[in-house]
């Protein structure tokens, strides 16, 4: 899952003098530091700070809203059908969503 918007990283690079930003793969960004001739990865502390200040990206919001809606619908269906299986499905979906929202160690 993509945890950062490219615009957030680009904004930080412009503010700090880093140039030629490119994304190697999801959540792995490289750029040229000021005065450097070789690109370096954006420091993980910076990425954590950007994530803390900017919050969730659009994809993460979509997963969160989906998990909430699935949970609400599952509670209603469990009550209506007097069956716990919809809640079990909602729990499994929420577990997968929680795992996808976890930011990998960079």
PDB file of N, CA and C in Angstrom:
ATOM      1  N   UNK A   1       0.840  -1.169   0.000  1.00  0.00           N
ATOM      2  CA  UNK A   1       0.000   0.000   0.000  1.00  0.00           C
ATOM      3  C   UNK A   1       0.889   1.237   0.000  1.00  0.00           C
ATOM      4  N   UNK A   2       0.452   2.210  -0.716  1.00  0.00           N
ATOM      5  CA  UNK A   2       1.190   3.465  -0.784  1.00  0.00           C
ATOM      6  C   UNK A   2       0.800   4.320   0.422  1.00  0.00           C
ATOM      7  N   UNK A   3       1.776   4.629   1.281  1.00  0.00           N
ATOM      8  CA  UNK A   3       1.493   5.370   2.506  1.00  0.00           C
ATOM      9  C   UNK A   3       1.778   6.866   2.383  1.00  0.00           C
ATOM     10  N   UNK A   4       2.460   7.265   1.327  1.00  0.00           N
ATOM     11  CA  UNK A   4       2.830   8.667   1.156  1.00  0.00           C
ATOM     12  C   UNK A   4       2.362   9.152  -0.208  1.00  0.00           C
ATOM     13  N   UNK A   5       1.958  10.387  -0.269  1.00  0.00           N
ATOM     14  CA  UNK A   5       1.681  11.013  -1.560  1.00  0.00           C
ATOM     15  C   UNK A   5       2.987  11.571  -2.086  1.00  0.00           C
ATOM     16  N   UNK A   6       3.210  11.430  -3.375  1.00  0.00           N
ATOM     17  CA  UNK A   6       4.447  11.929  -3.975  1.00  0.00           C
ATOM     18  C   UNK A   6       4.592  13.436  -3.776  1.00  0.00           C
ATOM     19  N   UNK A   7       3.468  14.138  -3.741  1.00  0.00           N
ATOM     20  CA  UNK A   7       3.509  15.596  -3.545  1.00  0.00           C
ATOM     21  C   UNK A   7       4.081  15.957  -2.173  1.00  0.00           C
ATOM     22  N   UNK A   8       3.794  15.154  -1.160  1.00  0.00           N
ATOM     23  CA  UNK A   8       4.317  15.416   0.187  1.00  0.00           C
ATOM     24  C   UNK A   8       5.838  15.318   0.196  1.00  0.00           C
ATOM     25  N   UNK A   9       6.365  14.290  -0.450  1.00  0.00           N
ATOM     26  CA  UNK A   9       7.813  14.090  -0.486  1.00  0.00           C
ATOM     27  C   UNK A   9       8.461  15.177  -1.342  1.00  0.00           C
ATOM     28  N   UNK A  10       7.839  15.496  -2.474  1.00  0.00           N
ATOM     29  CA  UNK A  10       8.365  16.543  -3.350  1.00  0.00           C
ATOM     30  C   UNK A  10       8.405  17.880  -2.624  1.00  0.00           C
ATOM     31  N   UNK A  11       7.385  18.181  -1.861  1.00  0.00           N
ATOM     32  CA  UNK A  11       7.338  19.425  -1.081  1.00  0.00           C
ATOM     33  C   UNK A  11       8.499  19.483  -0.085  1.00  0.00           C
ATOM     34  N   UNK A  12       8.754  18.369   0.605  1.00  0.00           N
ATOM     35  CA  UNK A  12       9.868  18.346   1.553  1.00  0.00           C
ATOM     36  C   UNK A  12      11.200  18.535   0.829  1.00  0.00           C
ATOM     37  N   UNK A  13      11.346  17.875  -0.329  1.00  0.00           N
ATOM     38  CA  UNK A  13      12.591  18.002  -1.096  1.00  0.00           C
ATOM     39  C   UNK A  13      12.836  19.441  -1.524  1.00  0.00           C
ATOM     40  N   UNK A  14      11.797  20.116  -1.978  1.00  0.00           N
ATOM     41  CA  UNK A  14      11.953  21.514  -2.391  1.00  0.00           C
ATOM     42  C   UNK A  14      12.317  22.408  -1.223  1.00  0.00           C
ATOM     43  N   UNK A  15      11.732  22.155  -0.061  1.00  0.00           N
ATOM     44  CA  UNK A  15      12.029  22.969   1.117  1.00  0.00           C
ATOM     45  C   UNK A  15      13.452  22.760   1.616  1.00  0.00           C
ATOM     46  N   UNK A  16      14.020  21.564   1.403  1.00  0.00           N
ATOM     47  CA  UNK A  16      15.330  21.232   1.950  1.00  0.00           C
ATOM     48  C   UNK A  16      16.441  21.140   0.915  1.00  0.00           C
ATOM     49  N   UNK A  17      16.160  21.522  -0.323  1.00  0.00           N
ATOM     50  CA  UNK A  17      17.200  21.580  -1.347  1.00  0.00           C
ATOM     51  C   UNK A  17      17.531  20.265  -2.022  1.00  0.00           C
ATOM     52  N   UNK A  18      16.737  19.232  -1.830  1.00  0.00           N
ATOM     53  CA  UNK A  18      16.970  17.960  -2.504  1.00  0.00           C
ATOM     54  C   UNK A  18      16.366  18.055  -3.906  1.00  0.00           C
ATOM     55  N   UNK A  19      16.995  17.408  -4.892  1.00  0.00           N
ATOM     56  CA  UNK A  19      16.526  17.512  -6.277  1.00  0.00           C
ATOM     57  C   UNK A  19      16.322  16.140  -6.893  1.00  0.00           C
ATOM     58  N   UNK A  20      15.630  16.123  -8.025  1.00  0.00           N
ATOM     59  CA  UNK A  20      15.409  14.924  -8.843  1.00  0.00           C
ATOM     60  C   UNK A  20      14.855  13.745  -8.056  1.00  0.00           C
ATOM     61  N   UNK A  21      13.755  13.967  -7.396  1.00  0.00           N
ATOM     62  CA  UNK A  21      13.105  12.919  -6.611  1.00  0.00           C
ATOM     63  C   UNK A  21      12.590  11.815  -7.527  1.00  0.00           C
ATOM     64  N   UNK A  22      12.802  10.565  -7.129  1.00  0.00           N
ATOM     65  CA  UNK A  22      12.176   9.439  -7.817  1.00  0.00           C
ATOM     66  C   UNK A  22      11.844   8.357  -6.798  1.00  0.00           C
ATOM     67  N   UNK A  23      10.822   7.576  -7.137  1.00  0.00           N
ATOM     68  CA  UNK A  23      10.380   6.508  -6.248  1.00  0.00           C
ATOM     69  C   UNK A  23      10.905   5.181  -6.777  1.00  0.00           C
ATOM     70  N   UNK A  24      11.733   4.534  -5.982  1.00  0.00           N
ATOM     71  CA  UNK A  24      12.292   3.238  -6.376  1.00  0.00           C
ATOM     72  C   UNK A  24      11.185   2.183  -6.387  1.00  0.00           C
ATOM     73  N   UNK A  25      10.390   2.151  -5.337  1.00  0.00           N
ATOM     74  CA  UNK A  25       9.222   1.281  -5.178  1.00  0.00           C
ATOM     75  C   UNK A  25       8.353   1.936  -4.126  1.00  0.00           C
ATOM     76  N   UNK A  26       7.259   1.306  -3.771  1.00  0.00           N
ATOM     77  CA  UNK A  26       6.375   1.911  -2.780  1.00  0.00           C
ATOM     78  C   UNK A  26       7.134   2.268  -1.509  1.00  0.00           C
ATOM     79  N   UNK A  27       6.980   3.508  -1.092  1.00  0.00           N
ATOM     80  CA  UNK A  27       7.529   4.023   0.161  1.00  0.00           C
ATOM     81  C   UNK A  27       9.056   4.039   0.219  1.00  0.00           C
ATOM     82  N   UNK A  28       9.716   3.964  -0.922  1.00  0.00           N
ATOM     83  CA  UNK A  28      11.177   4.069  -0.978  1.00  0.00           C
ATOM     84  C   UNK A  28      11.514   5.171  -1.981  1.00  0.00           C
ATOM     85  N   UNK A  29      11.836   6.333  -1.453  1.00  0.00           N
ATOM     86  CA  UNK A  29      12.093   7.509  -2.273  1.00  0.00           C
ATOM     87  C   UNK A  29      13.575   7.860  -2.240  1.00  0.00           C
ATOM     88  N   UNK A  30      14.092   8.278  -3.395  1.00  0.00           N
ATOM     89  CA  UNK A  30      15.490   8.680  -3.526  1.00  0.00           C
ATOM     90  C   UNK A  30      15.537  10.071  -4.146  1.00  0.00           C
ATOM     91  N   UNK A  31      16.576  10.825  -3.801  1.00  0.00           N
ATOM     92  CA  UNK A  31      16.788  12.146  -4.386  1.00  0.00           C
ATOM     93  C   UNK A  31      18.249  12.539  -4.176  1.00  0.00           C
ATOM     94  N   UNK A  32      18.638  13.602  -4.851  1.00  0.00           N
ATOM     95  CA  UNK A  32      19.995  14.122  -4.696  1.00  0.00           C
ATOM     96  C   UNK A  32      19.996  15.155  -3.570  1.00  0.00           C
ATOM     97  N   UNK A  33      20.767  14.916  -2.498  1.00  0.00           N
ATOM     98  CA  UNK A  33      20.877  15.918  -1.432  1.00  0.00           C
ATOM     99  C   UNK A  33      21.597  17.163  -1.958  1.00  0.00           C
ATOM    100  N   UNK A  34      21.521  18.262  -1.232  1.00  0.00           N
ATOM    101  CA  UNK A  34      22.203  19.476  -1.686  1.00  0.00           C
ATOM    102  C   UNK A  34      23.704  19.233  -1.884  1.00  0.00           C
ATOM    103  N   UNK A  35      24.196  19.562  -3.073  1.00  0.00           N
ATOM    104  CA  UNK A  35      25.615  19.445  -3.369  1.00  0.00           C
ATOM    105  C   UNK A  35      26.103  18.037  -3.645  1.00  0.00           C
ATOM    106  N   UNK A  36      25.227  17.068  -3.728  1.00  0.00           N
ATOM    107  CA  UNK A  36      25.652  15.676  -3.930  1.00  0.00           C
ATOM    108  C   UNK A  36      25.626  15.318  -5.414  1.00  0.00           C
ATOM    109  N   UNK A  37      26.440  14.328  -5.781  1.00  0.00           N
ATOM    110  CA  UNK A  37      26.472  13.843  -7.154  1.00  0.00           C
ATOM    111  C   UNK A  37      25.860  12.454  -7.274  1.00  0.00           C
ATOM    112  N   UNK A  38      25.415  11.911  -6.155  1.00  0.00           N
ATOM    113  CA  UNK A  38      24.835  10.573  -6.129  1.00  0.00           C
ATOM    114  C   UNK A  38      23.537  10.618  -5.316  1.00  0.00           C
ATOM    115  N   UNK A  39      22.460  10.002  -5.824  1.00  0.00           N
ATOM    116  CA  UNK A  39      21.206  10.051  -5.059  1.00  0.00           C
ATOM    117  C   UNK A  39      21.297   9.221  -3.780  1.00  0.00           C
ATOM    118  N   UNK A  40      20.528   9.638  -2.793  1.00  0.00           N
ATOM    119  CA  UNK A  40      20.452   8.922  -1.522  1.00  0.00           C
ATOM    120  C   UNK A  40      18.989   8.723  -1.171  1.00  0.00           C
ATOM    121  N   UNK A  41      18.689   7.688  -0.381  1.00  0.00           N
ATOM    122  CA  UNK A  41      17.291   7.520   0.045  1.00  0.00           C
ATOM    123  C   UNK A  41      16.885   8.656   0.978  1.00  0.00           C
ATOM    124  N   UNK A  42      15.609   9.031   0.876  1.00  0.00           N
ATOM    125  CA  UNK A  42      15.086  10.025   1.808  1.00  0.00           C
ATOM    126  C   UNK A  42      15.162   9.397   3.198  1.00  0.00           C
ATOM    127  N   UNK A  43      15.718  10.084   4.191  1.00  0.00           N
ATOM    128  CA  UNK A  43      15.873   9.482   5.527  1.00  0.00           C
ATOM    129  C   UNK A  43      14.536   9.013   6.114  1.00  0.00           C
ATOM    130  N   UNK A  44      14.574   7.872   6.788  1.00  0.00           N
ATOM    131  CA  UNK A  44      13.351   7.296   7.352  1.00  0.00           C
ATOM    132  C   UNK A  44      12.737   8.210   8.411  1.00  0.00           C
ATOM    133  N   UNK A  45      13.574   8.964   9.138  1.00  0.00           N
ATOM    134  CA  UNK A  45      13.032   9.904  10.133  1.00  0.00           C
ATOM    135  C   UNK A  45      12.178  10.970   9.449  1.00  0.00           C
ATOM    136  N   UNK A  46      12.628  11.398   8.281  1.00  0.00           N
ATOM    137  CA  UNK A  46      11.888  12.413   7.523  1.00  0.00           C
ATOM    138  C   UNK A  46      10.552  11.835   7.061  1.00  0.00           C
ATOM    139  N   UNK A  47      10.578  10.608   6.554  1.00  0.00           N
ATOM    140  CA  UNK A  47       9.337   9.982   6.097  1.00  0.00           C
ATOM    141  C   UNK A  47       8.351   9.806   7.254  1.00  0.00           C
ATOM    142  N   UNK A  48       8.864   9.410   8.418  1.00  0.00           N
ATOM    143  CA  UNK A  48       7.979   9.273   9.592  1.00  0.00           C
ATOM    144  C   UNK A  48       7.399  10.627  10.000  1.00  0.00           C
ATOM    145  N   UNK A  49       8.215  11.674   9.939  1.00  0.00           N
ATOM    146  CA  UNK A  49       7.740  13.017  10.282  1.00  0.00           C
ATOM    147  C   UNK A  49       6.671  13.485   9.296  1.00  0.00           C
ATOM    148  N   UNK A  50       6.900  13.255   8.012  1.00  0.00           N
ATOM    149  CA  UNK A  50       5.916  13.643   6.993  1.00  0.00           C
ATOM    150  C   UNK A  50       4.606  12.901   7.232  1.00  0.00           C
ATOM    151  N   UNK A  51       4.690  11.604   7.524  1.00  0.00           N
ATOM    152  CA  UNK A  51       3.489  10.800   7.775  1.00  0.00           C
ATOM    153  C   UNK A  51       2.743  11.310   9.006  1.00  0.00           C
ATOM    154  N   UNK A  52       3.490  11.684  10.049  1.00  0.00           N
ATOM    155  CA  UNK A  52       2.858  12.175  11.282  1.00  0.00           C
ATOM    156  C   UNK A  52       2.169  13.517  11.060  1.00  0.00           C
ATOM    157  N   UNK A  53       2.739  14.365  10.221  1.00  0.00           N
ATOM    158  CA  UNK A  53       2.135  15.688  10.016  1.00  0.00           C
ATOM    159  C   UNK A  53       1.026  15.668   8.976  1.00  0.00           C
ATOM    160  N   UNK A  54       1.149  14.845   7.942  1.00  0.00           N
ATOM    161  CA  UNK A  54       0.163  14.855   6.850  1.00  0.00           C
ATOM    162  C   UNK A  54      -0.999  13.908   7.080  1.00  0.00           C
ATOM    163  N   UNK A  55      -0.811  12.843   7.841  1.00  0.00           N
ATOM    164  CA  UNK A  55      -1.908  11.911   8.115  1.00  0.00           C
ATOM    165  C   UNK A  55      -2.051  10.844   7.044  1.00  0.00           C
ATOM    166  N   UNK A  56      -3.288  10.392   6.856  1.00  0.00           N
ATOM    167  CA  UNK A  56      -3.570   9.307   5.916  1.00  0.00           C
ATOM    168  C   UNK A  56      -3.648   9.823   4.493  1.00  0.00           C
ATOM    169  N   UNK A  57      -3.177   9.009   3.538  1.00  0.00           N
ATOM    170  CA  UNK A  57      -3.341   9.342   2.132  1.00  0.00           C
ATOM    171  C   UNK A  57      -4.702   8.794   1.669  1.00  0.00           C
ATOM    172  N   UNK A  58      -5.043   9.051   0.423  1.00  0.00           N
ATOM    173  CA  UNK A  58      -6.368   8.678  -0.096  1.00  0.00           C
ATOM    174  C   UNK A  58      -6.609   7.172  -0.050  1.00  0.00           C
ATOM    175  N   UNK A  59      -5.598   6.383  -0.395  1.00  0.00           N
ATOM    176  CA  UNK A  59      -5.761   4.929  -0.385  1.00  0.00           C
ATOM    177  C   UNK A  59      -6.004   4.414   1.034  1.00  0.00           C
ATOM    178  N   UNK A  60      -5.297   4.970   2.004  1.00  0.00           N
ATOM    179  CA  UNK A  60      -5.498   4.553   3.387  1.00  0.00           C
ATOM    180  C   UNK A  60      -6.890   4.941   3.876  1.00  0.00           C
ATOM    181  N   UNK A  61      -7.351   6.126   3.518  1.00  0.00           N
ATOM    182  CA  UNK A  61      -8.708   6.549   3.898  1.00  0.00           C
ATOM    183  C   UNK A  61      -9.757   5.612   3.314  1.00  0.00           C
ATOM    184  N   UNK A  62      -9.549   5.194   2.072  1.00  0.00           N
ATOM    185  CA  UNK A  62     -10.493   4.278   1.430  1.00  0.00           C
ATOM    186  C   UNK A  62     -10.575   2.959   2.196  1.00  0.00           C
ATOM    187  N   UNK A  63      -9.430   2.412   2.582  1.00  0.00           N
ATOM    188  CA  UNK A  63      -9.421   1.162   3.345  1.00  0.00           C
ATOM    189  C   UNK A  63     -10.091   1.339   4.702  1.00  0.00           C
ATOM    190  N   UNK A  64      -9.828   2.457   5.370  1.00  0.00           N
ATOM    191  CA  UNK A  64     -10.448   2.693   6.680  1.00  0.00           C
ATOM    192  C   UNK A  64     -11.967   2.817   6.573  1.00  0.00           C
ATOM    193  N   UNK A  65     -12.429   3.573   5.601  1.00  0.00           N
ATOM    194  CA  UNK A  65     -13.874   3.740   5.417  1.00  0.00           C
ATOM    195  C   UNK A  65     -14.516   2.401   5.070  1.00  0.00           C
ATOM    196  N   UNK A  66     -13.849   1.618   4.232  1.00  0.00           N
ATOM    197  CA  UNK A  66     -14.374   0.292   3.880  1.00  0.00           C
ATOM    198  C   UNK A  66     -14.485  -0.606   5.106  1.00  0.00           C
ATOM    199  N   UNK A  67     -13.477  -0.595   5.941  1.00  0.00           N
ATOM    200  CA  UNK A  67     -13.503  -1.425   7.149  1.00  0.00           C
ATOM    201  C   UNK A  67     -14.637  -0.999   8.082  1.00  0.00           C
ATOM    202  N   UNK A  68     -14.837   0.288   8.223  1.00  0.00           N
ATOM    203  CA  UNK A  68     -15.922   0.782   9.082  1.00  0.00           C
ATOM    204  C   UNK A  68     -17.279   0.378   8.518  1.00  0.00           C
ATOM    205  N   UNK A  69     -17.468   0.549   7.209  1.00  0.00           N
ATOM    206  CA  UNK A  69     -18.741   0.183   6.591  1.00  0.00           C
ATOM    207  C   UNK A  69     -18.999  -1.318   6.672  1.00  0.00           C
ATOM    208  N   UNK A  70     -17.976  -2.125   6.425  1.00  0.00           N
ATOM    209  CA  UNK A  70     -18.136  -3.581   6.528  1.00  0.00           C
ATOM    210  C   UNK A  70     -18.506  -3.972   7.950  1.00  0.00           C
ATOM    211  N   UNK A  71     -17.907  -3.328   8.929  1.00  0.00           N
ATOM    212  CA  UNK A  71     -18.215  -3.637  10.329  1.00  0.00           C
ATOM    213  C   UNK A  71     -19.650  -3.287  10.686  1.00  0.00           C
ATOM    214  N   UNK A  72     -20.099  -2.124  10.260  1.00  0.00           N
ATOM    215  CA  UNK A  72     -21.472  -1.701  10.557  1.00  0.00           C
ATOM    216  C   UNK A  72     -22.480  -2.633   9.881  1.00  0.00           C
ATOM    217  N   UNK A  73     -22.245  -2.936   8.612  1.00  0.00           N
ATOM    218  CA  UNK A  73     -23.153  -3.825   7.890  1.00  0.00           C
ATOM    219  C   UNK A  73     -23.149  -5.218   8.519  1.00  0.00           C
ATOM    220  N   UNK A  74     -21.989  -5.674   8.966  1.00  0.00           N
ATOM    221  CA  UNK A  74     -21.895  -7.001   9.587  1.00  0.00           C
ATOM    222  C   UNK A  74     -22.667  -7.073  10.897  1.00  0.00           C
ATOM    223  N   UNK A  75     -22.622  -6.011  11.680  1.00  0.00           N
ATOM    224  CA  UNK A  75     -23.385  -5.992  12.933  1.00  0.00           C
ATOM    225  C   UNK A  75     -24.882  -6.084  12.639  1.00  0.00           C
ATOM    226  N   UNK A  76     -25.327  -5.324  11.653  1.00  0.00           N
ATOM    227  CA  UNK A  76     -26.755  -5.346  11.294  1.00  0.00           C
ATOM    228  C   UNK A  76     -27.153  -6.730  10.779  1.00  0.00           C
ATOM    229  N   UNK A  77     -26.326  -7.304   9.902  1.00  0.00           N
ATOM    230  CA  UNK A  77     -26.653  -8.631   9.359  1.00  0.00           C
ATOM    231  C   UNK A  77     -26.625  -9.706  10.439  1.00  0.00           C
ATOM    232  N   UNK A  78     -25.669  -9.609  11.355  1.00  0.00           N
ATOM    233  CA  UNK A  78     -25.612 -10.590  12.450  1.00  0.00           C
ATOM    234  C   UNK A  78     -26.857 -10.521  13.322  1.00  0.00           C
ATOM    235  N   UNK A  79     -27.314  -9.313  13.582  1.00  0.00           N
ATOM    236  CA  UNK A  79     -28.524  -9.151  14.389  1.00  0.00           C
ATOM    237  C   UNK A  79     -29.744  -9.669  13.620  1.00  0.00           C
ATOM    238  N   UNK A  80     -29.827  -9.307  12.340  1.00  0.00           N
ATOM    239  CA  UNK A  80     -30.983  -9.681  11.533  1.00  0.00           C
ATOM    240  C   UNK A  80     -31.061 -11.194  11.331  1.00  0.00           C
ATOM    241  N   UNK A  81     -29.939 -11.836  11.004  1.00  0.00           N
ATOM    242  CA  UNK A  81     -29.933 -13.269  10.739  1.00  0.00           C
ATOM    243  C   UNK A  81     -29.655 -14.113  11.981  1.00  0.00           C
ATOM    244  N   UNK A  82     -29.327 -13.450  13.104  1.00  0.00           N
ATOM    245  CA  UNK A  82     -28.991 -14.141  14.345  1.00  0.00           C
ATOM    246  C   UNK A  82     -27.894 -15.185  14.105  1.00  0.00           C
ATOM    247  N   UNK A  83     -26.842 -14.687  13.431  1.00  0.00           N
ATOM    248  CA  UNK A  83     -25.730 -15.538  13.044  1.00  0.00           C
ATOM    249  C   UNK A  83     -24.435 -14.733  13.221  1.00  0.00           C
ATOM    250  N   UNK A  84     -23.406 -15.304  13.844  1.00  0.00           N
ATOM    251  CA  UNK A  84     -22.177 -14.546  14.086  1.00  0.00           C
ATOM    252  C   UNK A  84     -21.217 -14.472  12.895  1.00  0.00           C
ATOM    253  N   UNK A  85     -21.504 -15.173  11.812  1.00  0.00           N
ATOM    254  CA  UNK A  85     -20.550 -15.222  10.701  1.00  0.00           C
ATOM    255  C   UNK A  85     -20.264 -13.856  10.060  1.00  0.00           C
ATOM    256  N   UNK A  86     -21.228 -12.963   9.897  1.00  0.00           N
ATOM    257  CA  UNK A  86     -20.875 -11.647   9.349  1.00  0.00           C
ATOM    258  C   UNK A  86     -19.874 -10.890  10.229  1.00  0.00           C
ATOM    259  N   UNK A  87     -19.974 -11.048  11.532  1.00  0.00           N
ATOM    260  CA  UNK A  87     -19.020 -10.383  12.421  1.00  0.00           C
ATOM    261  C   UNK A  87     -17.642 -11.025  12.285  1.00  0.00           C
ATOM    262  N   UNK A  88     -17.588 -12.329  12.077  1.00  0.00           N
ATOM    263  CA  UNK A  88     -16.318 -13.009  11.855  1.00  0.00           C
ATOM    264  C   UNK A  88     -15.673 -12.476  10.568  1.00  0.00           C
ATOM    265  N   UNK A  89     -16.485 -12.313   9.527  1.00  0.00           N
ATOM    266  CA  UNK A  89     -15.978 -11.750   8.279  1.00  0.00           C
ATOM    267  C   UNK A  89     -15.473 -10.323   8.500  1.00  0.00           C
ATOM    268  N   UNK A  90     -16.222  -9.526   9.246  1.00  0.00           N
ATOM    269  CA  UNK A  90     -15.802  -8.148   9.521  1.00  0.00           C
ATOM    270  C   UNK A  90     -14.489  -8.122  10.303  1.00  0.00           C
ATOM    271  N   UNK A  91     -14.334  -9.034  11.250  1.00  0.00           N
ATOM    272  CA  UNK A  91     -13.086  -9.106  12.011  1.00  0.00           C
ATOM    273  C   UNK A  91     -11.919  -9.441  11.094  1.00  0.00           C
ATOM    274  N   UNK A  92     -12.113 -10.402  10.196  1.00  0.00           N
ATOM    275  CA  UNK A  92     -11.043 -10.779   9.266  1.00  0.00           C
ATOM    276  C   UNK A  92     -10.694  -9.615   8.339  1.00  0.00           C
ATOM    277  N   UNK A  93     -11.712  -8.918   7.849  1.00  0.00           N
ATOM    278  CA  UNK A  93     -11.473  -7.772   6.974  1.00  0.00           C
ATOM    279  C   UNK A  93     -10.744  -6.656   7.719  1.00  0.00           C
ATOM    280  N   UNK A  94     -11.128  -6.424   8.960  1.00  0.00           N
ATOM    281  CA  UNK A  94     -10.460  -5.396   9.763  1.00  0.00           C
ATOM    282  C   UNK A  94      -9.012  -5.788  10.061  1.00  0.00           C
ATOM    283  N   UNK A  95      -8.747  -7.071  10.256  1.00  0.00           N
ATOM    284  CA  UNK A  95      -7.374  -7.526  10.499  1.00  0.00           C
ATOM    285  C   UNK A  95      -6.501  -7.309   9.271  1.00  0.00           C
ATOM    286  N   UNK A  96      -7.032  -7.615   8.106  1.00  0.00           N
ATOM    287  CA  UNK A  96      -6.285  -7.383   6.870  1.00  0.00           C
ATOM    288  C   UNK A  96      -6.049  -5.884   6.665  1.00  0.00           C
ATOM    289  N   UNK A  97      -7.071  -5.089   6.916  1.00  0.00           N
ATOM    290  CA  UNK A  97      -6.940  -3.640   6.773  1.00  0.00           C
ATOM    291  C   UNK A  97      -5.891  -3.093   7.732  1.00  0.00           C
ATOM    292  N   UNK A  98      -5.915  -3.556   8.954  1.00  0.00           N
ATOM    293  CA  UNK A  98      -4.933  -3.115   9.943  1.00  0.00           C
ATOM    294  C   UNK A  98      -3.514  -3.464   9.502  1.00  0.00           C
ATOM    295  N   UNK A  99      -3.334  -4.646   8.953  1.00  0.00           N
ATOM    296  CA  UNK A  99      -2.010  -5.054   8.475  1.00  0.00           C
ATOM    297  C   UNK A  99      -1.562  -4.198   7.292  1.00  0.00           C
ATOM    298  N   UNK A 100      -2.489  -3.880   6.400  1.00  0.00           N
ATOM    299  CA  UNK A 100      -2.139  -3.056   5.246  1.00  0.00           C
ATOM    300  C   UNK A 100      -1.807  -1.617   5.649  1.00  0.00           C
ATOM    301  N   UNK A 101      -2.409  -1.132   6.709  1.00  0.00           N
ATOM    302  CA  UNK A 101      -2.151   0.242   7.152  1.00  0.00           C
ATOM    303  C   UNK A 101      -0.831   0.376   7.889  1.00  0.00           C
ATOM    304  N   UNK A 102      -0.241  -0.736   8.299  1.00  0.00           N
ATOM    305  CA  UNK A 102       1.025  -0.690   9.028  1.00  0.00           C
ATOM    306  C   UNK A 102       2.133  -0.226   8.080  1.00  0.00           C
ATOM    307  N   UNK A 103       2.842   0.805   8.480  1.00  0.00           N
ATOM    308  CA  UNK A 103       3.952   1.314   7.676  1.00  0.00           C
ATOM    309  C   UNK A 103       5.164   0.432   7.916  1.00  0.00           C
ATOM    310  N   UNK A 104       5.709  -0.128   6.840  1.00  0.00           N
ATOM    311  CA  UNK A 104       6.877  -0.998   6.964  1.00  0.00           C
ATOM    312  C   UNK A 104       8.065  -0.193   7.453  1.00  0.00           C
ATOM    313  N   UNK A 105       8.957  -0.860   8.153  1.00  0.00           N
ATOM    314  CA  UNK A 105      10.172  -0.196   8.621  1.00  0.00           C
ATOM    315  C   UNK A 105      11.021   0.188   7.423  1.00  0.00           C
ATOM    316  N   UNK A 106      11.335   1.430   7.362  1.00  0.00           N
ATOM    317  CA  UNK A 106      12.042   1.959   6.177  1.00  0.00           C
ATOM    318  C   UNK A 106      13.526   1.991   6.448  1.00  0.00           C
TER     319      UNK A 106
END
